């Protein structure tokens, strides 16, 4: 097909015009000052906006002094990496922040499409160069590149995008970031001085505890009850807002040593994907420092105070000065080691100062005004002797749910047998069940017996070792009962003799 001469001349003129325009723009970019280039960009933008029916929203990676990454940008990045990475042709692989997994995200100048409630939108990752504020510094500091996401959509979808879609993207992106993040185990740093720019109030390591509710030696119905309570709490943000209560919940774990209280905390953290803050009260100087520690905790976390009865002298603060403890309290105090008691009186802050944390300060820490800063927190206390704690400390509303972790049941033993030996039934199970009905044994002692000690240890040898331990414990119980009965008989005999002697005296 041969084009007419006029058509050829027209296309030649158009091509020449485009080439001339591109040449002029190249000259302007290379030789014109930044201010003139910026003016030309603004002018072209205004002309384009007048005729263009599409709206653009920019979400920059940094704002202001570039010291802090934008939360909105991070959430958009997480959302797009999860929802649009399959359609993108050019991707970049990076190690996610606080994560050990590789995260795929859009590469620069990549464009992807997304749909929401019938509205079609386009995302573009681009960057712009920002020159130094002063021309004198241009030779010393080159232009800085700022990345940002550009969201484009038709103006008829303005209400859907601004009112619903952006909120959806931020919410989904935040949940993805929480799910992919590397969880941490925190502890309060002793010797901290406020303010300090070289040391934080919390130090941390990666939380990698493998405990789950499936591997815990606990009855099935009790596991189900605890799991449902935890999951309901994690999804109840609107409920707590509606009733006007801070989004937090207290758990009191109590029971004999070795019954799995620390394991329970790890299982709770793994179930909800929460960080863990292990608060050592003996390292806290006073109530003010305790409050500052609370402020620095994040949401989606578990604040733990283990062995609350041995941490500080919080149980006797409501007693009058000079009042003596009962014999039972003195007996229970003997279970706390001398070292733990010394820790409870001396704070580990580097200066050997007496800790001034009070029961009132701890109560305010749990459910005072400052406890409402942030949200979605669990506060967990553990104790071996719940009767020693002040009633105000463990009442409902502070410690909302009390969980008793007692001695190992036969159902708990079966869980441990499956974990350690990989078996769900065995001919020795009947004998073990009968013995466990007569003897109290902790899950820790059961697990120690089931632990293979050599490569030749099979299920039979491990179960035999457990049976032997149960039989020895049964004999010890029998001996203790016999000695107790003997002691009572001797005491009764002594009382009878005293009565007899007193009767003889009365007759005389």
Protein backbone atom coordinates (compact mmCIF):
# COMPACT_ATOMS: atom_id res chain seq x y z
CA UNK A 1 0.00 0.00 0.00
CA UNK A 2 1.41 3.37 -1.04
CA UNK A 3 0.65 6.32 1.24
CA UNK A 4 -0.24 9.67 -0.33
CA UNK A 5 2.42 12.31 -0.41
CA UNK A 6 0.49 14.52 2.03
CA UNK A 7 0.30 11.63 4.54
CA UNK A 8 4.04 11.03 4.25
CA UNK A 9 4.74 14.70 4.77
CA UNK A 10 2.44 14.79 7.81
CA UNK A 11 4.15 11.82 9.52
CA UNK A 12 7.53 13.27 8.67
CA UNK A 13 6.51 16.52 10.34
CA UNK A 14 5.20 14.68 13.43
CA UNK A 15 8.39 12.69 13.75
CA UNK A 16 10.48 15.81 13.38
CA UNK A 17 8.41 17.58 16.02
CA UNK A 18 8.75 14.71 18.48
CA UNK A 19 12.48 14.52 17.88
CA UNK A 20 12.84 18.25 18.38
CA UNK A 21 10.81 18.09 21.59
CA UNK A 22 12.91 15.24 22.94
CA UNK A 23 16.09 17.11 22.05
CA UNK A 24 14.87 20.22 23.85
CA UNK A 25 13.89 18.21 26.92
CA UNK A 26 17.32 16.54 26.96
CA UNK A 27 19.00 19.94 26.83
CA UNK A 28 16.78 21.21 29.62
CA UNK A 29 17.52 18.20 31.85
CA UNK A 30 21.25 18.47 31.29
CA UNK A 31 21.92 22.19 31.41
CA UNK A 32 18.98 23.92 33.05
CA UNK A 33 19.00 24.51 36.81
CA UNK A 34 16.90 22.31 39.03
CA UNK A 35 14.37 25.09 39.67
CA UNK A 36 13.57 25.45 35.96
CA UNK A 37 13.27 21.71 35.54
CA UNK A 38 10.94 21.57 38.51
CA UNK A 39 8.82 24.36 37.02
CA UNK A 40 8.55 22.54 33.69
CA UNK A 41 7.53 19.35 35.45
CA UNK A 42 4.80 21.18 37.40
CA UNK A 43 3.54 22.83 34.23
CA UNK A 44 3.37 19.56 32.30
CA UNK A 45 1.69 17.93 35.30
CA UNK A 46 -1.04 20.57 35.36
CA UNK A 47 -1.70 20.20 31.64
CA UNK A 48 -1.79 16.43 31.93
CA UNK A 49 -4.14 16.58 34.94
CA UNK A 50 -6.62 18.74 33.08
CA UNK A 51 -7.10 16.19 30.28
CA UNK A 52 -6.29 12.97 32.18
CA UNK A 53 -9.25 11.23 33.96
CA UNK A 54 -6.94 9.16 36.18
CA UNK A 55 -5.98 9.97 39.76
CA UNK A 56 -2.59 9.17 41.28
CA UNK A 57 -1.65 8.69 44.94
CA UNK A 58 2.01 8.51 46.01
CA UNK A 59 3.20 6.65 49.11
CA UNK A 60 6.83 7.52 49.88
CA UNK A 61 9.29 5.27 51.66
CA UNK A 62 10.68 8.08 53.81
CA UNK A 63 9.29 11.40 54.87
CA UNK A 64 10.77 14.42 56.60
CA UNK A 65 14.37 13.84 57.67
CA UNK A 66 14.47 10.24 56.34
CA UNK A 67 15.27 8.86 59.77
CA UNK A 68 12.26 6.58 59.97
CA UNK A 69 10.73 4.37 57.30
CA UNK A 70 7.07 5.03 56.62
CA UNK A 71 4.71 2.46 58.14
CA UNK A 72 2.28 2.99 55.26
CA UNK A 73 5.02 2.22 52.71
CA UNK A 74 6.06 -0.93 54.60
CA UNK A 75 2.45 -2.15 54.76
CA UNK A 76 1.90 -1.50 51.04
CA UNK A 77 5.15 -3.32 50.25
CA UNK A 78 4.05 -6.36 52.29
CA UNK A 79 0.59 -6.36 50.69
CA UNK A 80 1.94 -6.18 47.14
CA UNK A 81 4.62 -8.80 47.79
CA UNK A 82 1.92 -11.24 48.89
CA UNK A 83 -0.93 -10.39 46.51
CA UNK A 84 0.69 -9.23 43.27
CA UNK A 85 4.13 -10.89 43.20
CA UNK A 86 2.71 -13.69 41.04
CA UNK A 87 1.69 -11.28 38.27
CA UNK A 88 4.86 -9.16 38.34
CA UNK A 89 7.51 -10.01 35.75
CA UNK A 90 10.44 -8.40 37.51
CA UNK A 91 10.92 -9.18 41.20
CA UNK A 92 13.60 -8.55 43.78
CA UNK A 93 14.45 -10.96 46.59
CA UNK A 94 15.39 -9.53 49.98
CA UNK A 95 15.67 -10.73 53.55
CA UNK A 96 12.69 -9.29 55.37
CA UNK A 97 13.30 -7.06 58.35
CA UNK A 98 13.42 -9.13 61.56
CA UNK A 99 12.84 -12.23 59.47
CA UNK A 100 14.91 -15.17 58.32
CA UNK A 101 12.79 -15.76 55.21
CA UNK A 102 13.35 -14.41 51.70
CA UNK A 103 10.63 -11.96 50.66
CA UNK A 104 9.79 -11.36 46.99
CA UNK A 105 8.62 -7.86 46.07
CA UNK A 106 8.23 -5.68 42.99
CA UNK A 107 11.37 -4.40 41.36
CA UNK A 108 11.78 -0.73 40.55
CA UNK A 109 9.60 0.62 37.71
CA UNK A 110 7.53 -2.56 37.73
CA UNK A 111 3.78 -2.13 37.21
CA UNK A 112 1.10 -4.51 38.55
CA UNK A 113 -2.69 -4.54 38.51
CA UNK A 114 -5.07 -5.12 41.40
CA UNK A 115 -8.87 -5.20 41.70
CA UNK A 116 -11.10 -4.34 44.66
CA UNK A 117 -14.91 -4.25 44.61
CA UNK A 118 -14.94 -3.86 40.85
CA UNK A 119 -12.38 -1.04 40.86
CA UNK A 120 -9.25 -1.65 38.82
CA UNK A 121 -6.05 -0.02 40.08
CA UNK A 122 -2.41 0.00 39.05
CA UNK A 123 0.62 0.04 41.32
CA UNK A 124 4.02 1.31 40.16
CA UNK A 125 7.24 1.28 42.18
CA UNK A 126 9.37 4.22 41.10
CA UNK A 127 11.92 6.64 42.47
CA UNK A 128 12.84 10.27 42.21
CA UNK A 129 16.07 12.18 42.77
CA UNK A 130 16.20 14.93 45.37
CA UNK A 131 19.13 17.37 45.13
CA UNK A 132 20.81 18.98 48.13
CA UNK A 133 19.11 22.06 49.50
CA UNK A 134 22.09 24.26 48.73
CA UNK A 135 23.89 24.54 45.38
CA UNK A 136 27.18 24.78 47.28
CA UNK A 137 26.70 21.27 48.65
CA UNK A 138 25.91 19.74 45.27
CA UNK A 139 29.54 18.91 44.56
CA UNK A 140 29.96 17.22 47.93
CA UNK A 141 26.64 15.41 48.26
CA UNK A 142 25.09 13.81 45.18
CA UNK A 143 21.38 13.66 44.52
CA UNK A 144 19.48 11.28 46.80
CA UNK A 145 17.00 8.78 45.42
CA UNK A 146 13.63 8.36 47.12
CA UNK A 147 11.48 5.36 46.35
CA UNK A 148 7.71 5.54 46.40
CA UNK A 149 4.68 3.59 45.27
CA UNK A 150 2.34 5.28 42.81
CA UNK A 151 -1.29 4.16 42.87
CA UNK A 152 -3.31 5.00 39.73
CA UNK A 153 -7.07 4.61 39.27
CA UNK A 154 -9.96 6.18 37.38
CA UNK A 155 -11.63 9.12 39.05
CA UNK A 156 -14.99 7.32 39.15
CA UNK A 157 -13.44 4.94 41.73
CA UNK A 158 -12.21 7.75 43.99
CA UNK A 159 -14.60 6.97 46.86
CA UNK A 160 -13.95 3.21 46.78
CA UNK A 161 -10.19 3.62 46.72
CA UNK A 162 -9.84 6.39 49.32
CA UNK A 163 -12.50 5.15 51.74
CA UNK A 164 -12.06 1.38 51.56
CA UNK A 165 -9.23 0.10 49.38
CA UNK A 166 -6.34 1.94 51.04
CA UNK A 167 -7.51 0.86 54.47
CA UNK A 168 -7.79 -2.71 53.20
CA UNK A 169 -4.23 -2.61 51.85
CA UNK A 170 -2.76 -1.20 55.07
CA UNK A 171 -4.62 -3.72 57.26
CA UNK A 172 -3.70 -6.72 55.12
CA UNK A 173 -0.09 -5.56 54.82
CA UNK A 174 0.22 -5.12 58.58
CA UNK A 175 -1.08 -8.63 59.22
CA UNK A 176 1.35 -10.06 56.67
CA UNK A 177 4.26 -8.24 58.31
CA UNK A 178 3.32 -9.57 61.73
CA UNK A 179 3.02 -13.09 60.36
CA UNK A 180 6.40 -12.98 58.60
CA UNK A 181 8.36 -11.18 61.29
CA UNK A 182 10.99 -12.86 63.41
CA UNK A 183 9.64 -13.05 66.95
CA UNK A 184 11.83 -12.02 69.89
CA UNK A 185 12.38 -12.82 73.55
CA UNK A 186 13.03 -9.67 75.59
CA UNK A 187 14.39 -9.13 79.07
CA UNK A 188 14.81 -5.86 80.96
CA UNK A 189 18.38 -4.59 80.95
CA UNK A 190 19.92 -4.00 84.40
CA UNK A 191 21.87 -0.81 84.96
CA UNK A 192 19.75 1.23 82.54
CA UNK A 193 19.83 5.00 83.08
CA UNK A 194 17.10 7.20 81.66
CA UNK A 195 17.53 8.70 79.13
CA UNK A 196 20.18 6.68 77.37
CA UNK A 197 20.89 6.57 73.65
CA UNK A 198 23.38 3.70 73.77
CA UNK A 199 21.27 1.23 75.69
CA UNK A 200 17.60 0.33 75.62
CA UNK A 201 15.47 -0.75 78.55
CA UNK A 202 14.91 -4.13 76.88
CA UNK A 203 17.50 -6.43 75.32
CA UNK A 204 16.41 -9.32 73.13
CA UNK A 205 17.31 -12.50 71.33
CA UNK A 206 15.44 -14.45 68.67
CA UNK A 207 12.54 -16.44 70.15
CA UNK A 208 12.85 -20.01 68.84
CA UNK A 209 11.16 -22.10 71.51
CA UNK A 210 9.48 -25.09 69.76
CA UNK A 211 6.74 -25.74 72.35
CA UNK A 212 3.16 -26.06 71.09
CA UNK A 213 -0.11 -27.09 72.69
CA UNK A 214 0.02 -30.33 70.71
CA UNK A 215 3.22 -31.40 72.48
CA UNK A 216 2.13 -30.36 75.99
CA UNK A 217 1.29 -33.06 78.55
CA UNK A 218 -2.16 -31.70 79.25
CA UNK A 219 -5.70 -33.03 79.05
CA UNK A 220 -7.40 -32.48 75.69
CA UNK A 221 -10.40 -30.57 77.06
CA UNK A 222 -8.12 -28.23 79.00
CA UNK A 223 -6.00 -27.53 75.92
CA UNK A 224 -9.12 -26.77 73.89
CA UNK A 225 -10.43 -24.38 76.54
CA UNK A 226 -7.15 -22.44 76.72
CA UNK A 227 -6.70 -22.28 72.93
CA UNK A 228 -10.24 -21.00 72.40
CA UNK A 229 -9.75 -18.36 75.09
CA UNK A 230 -6.49 -17.13 73.51
CA UNK A 231 -7.86 -17.03 69.96
CA UNK A 232 -11.01 -15.24 71.09
CA UNK A 233 -8.89 -12.60 72.84
CA UNK A 234 -6.71 -12.02 69.76
CA UNK A 235 -9.80 -11.30 67.64
CA UNK A 236 -11.68 -9.11 70.11
CA UNK A 237 -10.33 -5.63 69.42
CA UNK A 238 -13.79 -4.20 68.60
CA UNK A 239 -15.30 -5.91 71.64
CA UNK A 240 -12.80 -4.35 74.05
CA UNK A 241 -13.32 -0.94 72.46
CA UNK A 242 -17.09 -1.30 72.78
CA UNK A 243 -17.00 -2.18 76.48
CA UNK A 244 -14.41 0.54 77.22
CA UNK A 245 -11.65 -1.77 78.43
CA UNK A 246 -7.96 -1.95 77.55
CA UNK A 247 -7.19 -4.74 75.09
CA UNK A 248 -5.24 -6.99 77.47
CA UNK A 249 -5.82 -10.14 79.46
CA UNK A 250 -4.15 -11.58 82.54
CA UNK A 251 -3.27 -15.26 83.05
CA UNK A 252 -2.18 -16.84 86.33
CA UNK A 253 -0.34 -20.14 85.88
CA UNK A 254 0.04 -22.01 89.16
CA UNK A 255 1.02 -25.48 90.18
CA UNK A 256 3.93 -27.54 91.57
CA UNK A 257 7.41 -27.17 90.06
CA UNK A 258 7.94 -29.14 86.85
CA UNK A 259 4.33 -29.03 85.66
CA UNK A 260 5.03 -26.99 82.50
CA UNK A 261 4.30 -23.35 83.34
CA UNK A 262 7.17 -21.97 81.26
CA UNK A 263 6.33 -24.39 78.44
CA UNK A 264 2.75 -23.11 78.52
CA UNK A 265 3.98 -19.54 77.98
CA UNK A 266 6.05 -20.62 74.97
CA UNK A 267 3.07 -22.49 73.52
CA UNK A 268 0.88 -19.40 73.96
CA UNK A 269 3.44 -17.25 72.16
CA UNK A 270 3.75 -19.73 69.28
CA UNK A 271 -0.02 -20.05 68.93
CA UNK A 272 -0.60 -16.29 68.65
CA UNK A 273 2.78 -15.34 67.08
CA UNK A 274 3.48 -12.92 69.94
CA UNK A 275 6.78 -11.59 71.27
CA UNK A 276 7.68 -12.42 74.87
CA UNK A 277 8.85 -9.88 77.47
CA UNK A 278 10.38 -11.70 80.44
CA UNK A 279 10.24 -9.07 83.20
CA UNK A 280 12.71 -9.56 86.05
CA UNK A 281 11.29 -7.49 88.91
CA UNK A 282 14.49 -7.70 90.97
CA UNK A 283 16.26 -5.66 88.27
CA UNK A 284 13.69 -2.84 88.42
CA UNK A 285 14.67 0.11 90.56
CA UNK A 286 11.26 1.54 91.42
CA UNK A 287 7.69 2.00 90.23
CA UNK A 288 8.66 4.75 87.79
CA UNK A 289 11.12 2.48 86.00
CA UNK A 290 8.49 -0.27 85.95
CA UNK A 291 6.10 2.09 84.19
CA UNK A 292 8.73 3.06 81.62
CA UNK A 293 9.35 -0.61 80.89
CA UNK A 294 5.66 -1.05 80.20
CA UNK A 295 5.62 1.92 77.81
CA UNK A 296 8.42 0.39 75.72
CA UNK A 297 6.64 -2.92 75.17
CA UNK A 298 4.87 -3.44 71.87
CA UNK A 299 1.48 -4.82 71.00
CA UNK A 300 1.07 -8.52 70.15
CA UNK A 301 3.23 -9.49 73.09
CA UNK A 302 3.22 -11.50 76.32
CA UNK A 303 4.60 -9.83 79.46
CA UNK A 304 5.79 -12.55 81.84
CA UNK A 305 6.71 -12.40 85.53
CA UNK A 306 7.80 -15.86 86.60
CA UNK A 307 7.77 -17.02 90.24
CA UNK A 308 5.92 -13.90 91.33
CA UNK A 309 5.87 -15.18 94.91
CA UNK A 310 9.69 -15.19 95.05
CA UNK A 311 10.46 -12.10 92.96
CA UNK A 312 9.84 -9.40 95.58
CA UNK A 313 8.28 -9.15 99.01
CA UNK A 314 4.85 -8.28 97.61
CA UNK A 315 2.77 -10.63 99.71
CA UNK A 316 3.28 -9.05 103.11
CA UNK A 317 3.01 -5.38 102.27
CA UNK A 318 -0.54 -5.16 103.55
CA UNK A 319 0.41 -6.65 106.92
CA UNK A 320 1.01 -4.38 109.86
CA UNK A 321 4.58 -3.68 110.83
CA UNK A 322 5.85 -6.12 113.39
CA UNK A 323 3.25 -8.78 112.68
CA UNK A 324 4.81 -12.23 112.53
CA UNK A 325 4.15 -14.62 109.67
CA UNK A 326 2.38 -17.87 110.34
CA UNK A 327 4.24 -21.16 110.53
CA UNK A 328 2.77 -22.19 107.18
CA UNK A 329 4.14 -19.05 105.49
CA UNK A 330 7.54 -19.70 107.03
CA UNK A 331 7.40 -23.27 105.73
CA UNK A 332 6.54 -22.11 102.21
CA UNK A 333 9.25 -19.47 102.34
CA UNK A 334 11.76 -22.26 102.68
CA UNK A 335 11.00 -23.42 99.14
CA UNK A 336 12.36 -20.14 97.75
CA UNK A 337 16.10 -20.42 97.67
CA UNK A 338 18.29 -18.06 99.64
CA UNK A 339 19.60 -16.59 96.43
CA UNK A 340 16.08 -15.83 95.14
CA UNK A 341 15.22 -14.10 98.42
CA UNK A 342 18.35 -11.99 98.21
CA UNK A 343 17.41 -11.06 94.66
CA UNK A 344 14.02 -9.98 95.94
CA UNK A 345 15.61 -7.50 98.35
CA UNK A 346 18.48 -6.24 96.21
CA UNK A 347 17.84 -4.95 92.72
CA UNK A 348 20.33 -5.97 90.07
CA UNK A 349 20.88 -2.45 88.75
CA UNK A 350 24.61 -2.30 89.21
CA UNK A 351 24.48 -0.20 92.37
CA UNK A 352 23.11 -2.81 94.84
CA UNK A 353 20.23 -0.50 95.67
CA UNK A 354 17.14 -1.82 97.37
CA UNK A 355 14.29 -2.30 94.90
CA UNK A 356 11.41 0.06 95.67
CA UNK A 357 8.81 -1.66 93.51
CA UNK A 358 5.64 -1.90 95.59
CA UNK A 359 2.48 -3.91 95.36
CA UNK A 360 0.61 -0.74 94.41
CA UNK A 361 3.08 -0.06 91.59
CA UNK A 362 2.70 -3.60 90.29
CA UNK A 363 -1.11 -3.35 90.39
CA UNK A 364 -0.96 -0.12 88.38
CA UNK A 365 1.37 -1.88 85.96
CA UNK A 366 -1.26 -4.58 85.39
CA UNK A 367 -4.45 -2.56 85.06
CA UNK A 368 -3.71 1.11 85.76
CA UNK A 369 -4.03 3.98 83.31
CA UNK A 370 -0.61 3.29 81.80
CA UNK A 371 -1.52 -0.31 81.05
CA UNK A 372 -3.82 0.92 78.25
CA UNK A 373 -0.91 2.24 76.14
CA UNK A 374 -0.76 -0.01 73.09
CA UNK A 375 -2.97 -3.04 72.86
CA UNK A 376 -3.23 -6.79 72.37
CA UNK A 377 -1.10 -7.80 75.33
CA UNK A 378 -1.15 -10.79 77.64
CA UNK A 379 0.18 -10.44 81.19
CA UNK A 380 1.20 -13.79 82.66
CA UNK A 381 2.20 -14.57 86.25
CA UNK A 382 3.57 -17.93 87.33
CA UNK A 383 3.80 -19.24 90.88
CA UNK A 384 4.28 -22.50 92.72
CA UNK A 385 2.27 -21.35 95.73
CA UNK A 386 -0.80 -19.37 94.75
CA UNK A 387 -1.97 -19.15 98.38
CA UNK A 388 0.98 -16.86 99.18
CA UNK A 389 -0.09 -14.12 96.76
CA UNK A 390 -2.08 -11.07 97.78
CA UNK A 391 -5.73 -11.44 96.82
CA UNK A 392 -5.68 -8.01 95.16
CA UNK A 393 -2.93 -9.18 92.82
CA UNK A 394 -4.73 -12.20 91.41
CA UNK A 395 -8.38 -11.12 91.49
CA UNK A 396 -10.48 -11.33 88.35
CA UNK A 397 -9.93 -8.27 86.22
CA UNK A 398 -6.19 -8.43 86.81
CA UNK A 399 -5.51 -12.10 86.42
CA UNK A 400 -8.62 -12.88 84.38
CA UNK A 401 -7.98 -16.59 83.90
CA UNK A 402 -6.44 -18.92 86.46
CA UNK A 403 -4.87 -22.05 84.97
CA UNK A 404 -3.79 -24.83 87.33
CA UNK A 405 -1.04 -27.04 85.95
CA UNK A 406 -1.03 -30.07 88.19
CA UNK A 407 0.67 -33.47 88.19
CA UNK A 408 0.81 -35.60 85.07
CA UNK A 409 -2.30 -37.55 84.18
CA UNK A 410 -2.41 -40.69 82.08
CA UNK A 411 -3.68 -38.65 79.13
CA UNK A 412 -0.72 -36.32 79.52
CA UNK A 413 1.61 -39.33 79.68
CA UNK A 414 0.25 -40.58 76.34
CA UNK A 415 1.13 -37.23 74.76
CA UNK A 416 4.68 -37.48 76.11
CA UNK A 417 5.00 -41.07 74.95
CA UNK A 418 4.04 -40.02 71.44
CA UNK A 419 6.49 -37.09 71.54
CA UNK A 420 9.47 -38.97 72.96
CA UNK A 421 8.96 -42.53 71.76
CA UNK A 422 6.67 -42.14 68.75
CA UNK A 423 4.12 -44.64 70.07
CA UNK A 424 0.43 -44.24 70.88
CA UNK A 425 -0.18 -47.61 72.58
CA UNK A 426 1.85 -50.33 74.27
CA UNK A 427 1.26 -53.34 76.48
CA UNK A 428 2.93 -51.54 79.40
CA UNK A 429 0.43 -48.66 79.28
CA UNK A 430 -2.08 -50.46 81.53
CA UNK A 431 0.45 -50.90 84.33
CA UNK A 432 1.57 -47.29 84.00
CA UNK A 433 -2.04 -46.11 84.19
CA UNK A 434 -2.61 -48.07 87.41
CA UNK A 435 0.57 -46.71 89.00
CA UNK A 436 -0.17 -43.11 87.98
CA UNK A 437 -3.52 -43.41 89.71
CA UNK A 438 -1.69 -43.97 93.02
CA UNK A 439 1.35 -41.72 92.58
CA UNK A 440 1.74 -38.00 91.90
CA UNK A 441 4.46 -37.36 89.33
CA UNK A 442 5.21 -34.20 87.36
CA UNK A 443 5.39 -34.10 83.56
CA UNK A 444 9.06 -33.14 83.87
CA UNK A 445 9.82 -36.37 85.78
CA UNK A 446 7.86 -38.44 83.25
CA UNK A 447 9.69 -36.80 80.36
CA UNK A 448 13.06 -37.51 82.02
CA UNK A 449 12.22 -41.19 82.32
CA UNK A 450 11.06 -41.39 78.69
CA UNK A 451 14.12 -39.59 77.36
CA UNK A 452 16.40 -42.09 75.54
CA UNK A 453 19.77 -42.18 77.28
CA UNK A 454 21.64 -44.17 74.63
CA UNK A 455 21.21 -45.26 71.00
CA UNK A 456 19.98 -48.69 72.12
CA UNK A 457 17.18 -47.28 74.31
CA UNK A 458 13.90 -48.37 72.75
CA UNK A 459 10.31 -47.84 73.91
CA UNK A 460 10.41 -50.95 76.17
CA UNK A 461 13.47 -49.79 78.06
CA UNK A 462 12.17 -46.22 78.48
CA UNK A 463 8.75 -47.41 79.66
CA UNK A 464 10.38 -49.87 82.07
CA UNK A 465 12.44 -47.01 83.48
CA UNK A 466 9.24 -45.00 84.03
CA UNK A 467 7.53 -47.95 85.72
CA UNK A 468 10.51 -48.34 88.04
CA UNK A 469 10.37 -44.63 88.92
CA UNK A 470 6.65 -44.88 89.63
CA UNK A 471 7.11 -47.95 91.83
CA UNK A 472 9.88 -46.24 93.80
CA UNK A 473 7.68 -43.17 94.24
CA UNK A 474 4.83 -45.41 95.40
CA UNK A 475 7.09 -47.04 97.99
CA UNK A 476 8.24 -43.63 99.21
CA UNK A 477 4.61 -42.56 99.59
CA UNK A 478 3.83 -45.74 101.51
CA UNK A 479 6.80 -45.19 103.83
CA UNK A 480 5.81 -41.57 104.38
CA UNK A 481 2.23 -42.59 105.19
CA UNK A 482 3.46 -45.26 107.59
CA UNK A 483 5.80 -42.84 109.35
CA UNK A 484 3.02 -40.28 109.60
CA UNK A 485 0.67 -42.88 111.07
CA UNK A 486 3.38 -44.01 113.50
CA UNK A 487 3.98 -40.43 114.53
CA UNK A 488 0.30 -39.92 115.18
CA UNK A 489 0.14 -43.12 117.25
CA UNK A 490 3.13 -42.03 119.34
CA UNK A 491 1.61 -38.59 119.81
CA UNK A 492 -1.71 -40.11 120.84
CA UNK A 493 0.11 -42.46 123.25
CA UNK A 494 2.03 -39.55 124.74
CA UNK A 495 -1.20 -37.60 125.23
CA UNK A 496 -2.79 -40.62 126.92
CA UNK A 497 0.19 -40.92 129.28
CA UNK A 498 -0.02 -37.25 130.15
CA UNK A 499 -3.72 -37.60 130.84
CA UNK A 500 -3.04 -40.68 132.98
CA UNK A 501 -0.31 -38.88 134.97
CA UNK A 502 -2.54 -35.83 135.44
CA UNK A 503 -5.32 -38.11 136.64
CA UNK A 504 -3.02 -39.69 139.25
CA UNK A 505 -2.02 -36.24 140.48
CA UNK A 506 -5.63 -35.23 140.79
CA UNK A 507 -6.36 -38.32 142.86
CA UNK A 508 -3.47 -37.55 145.18
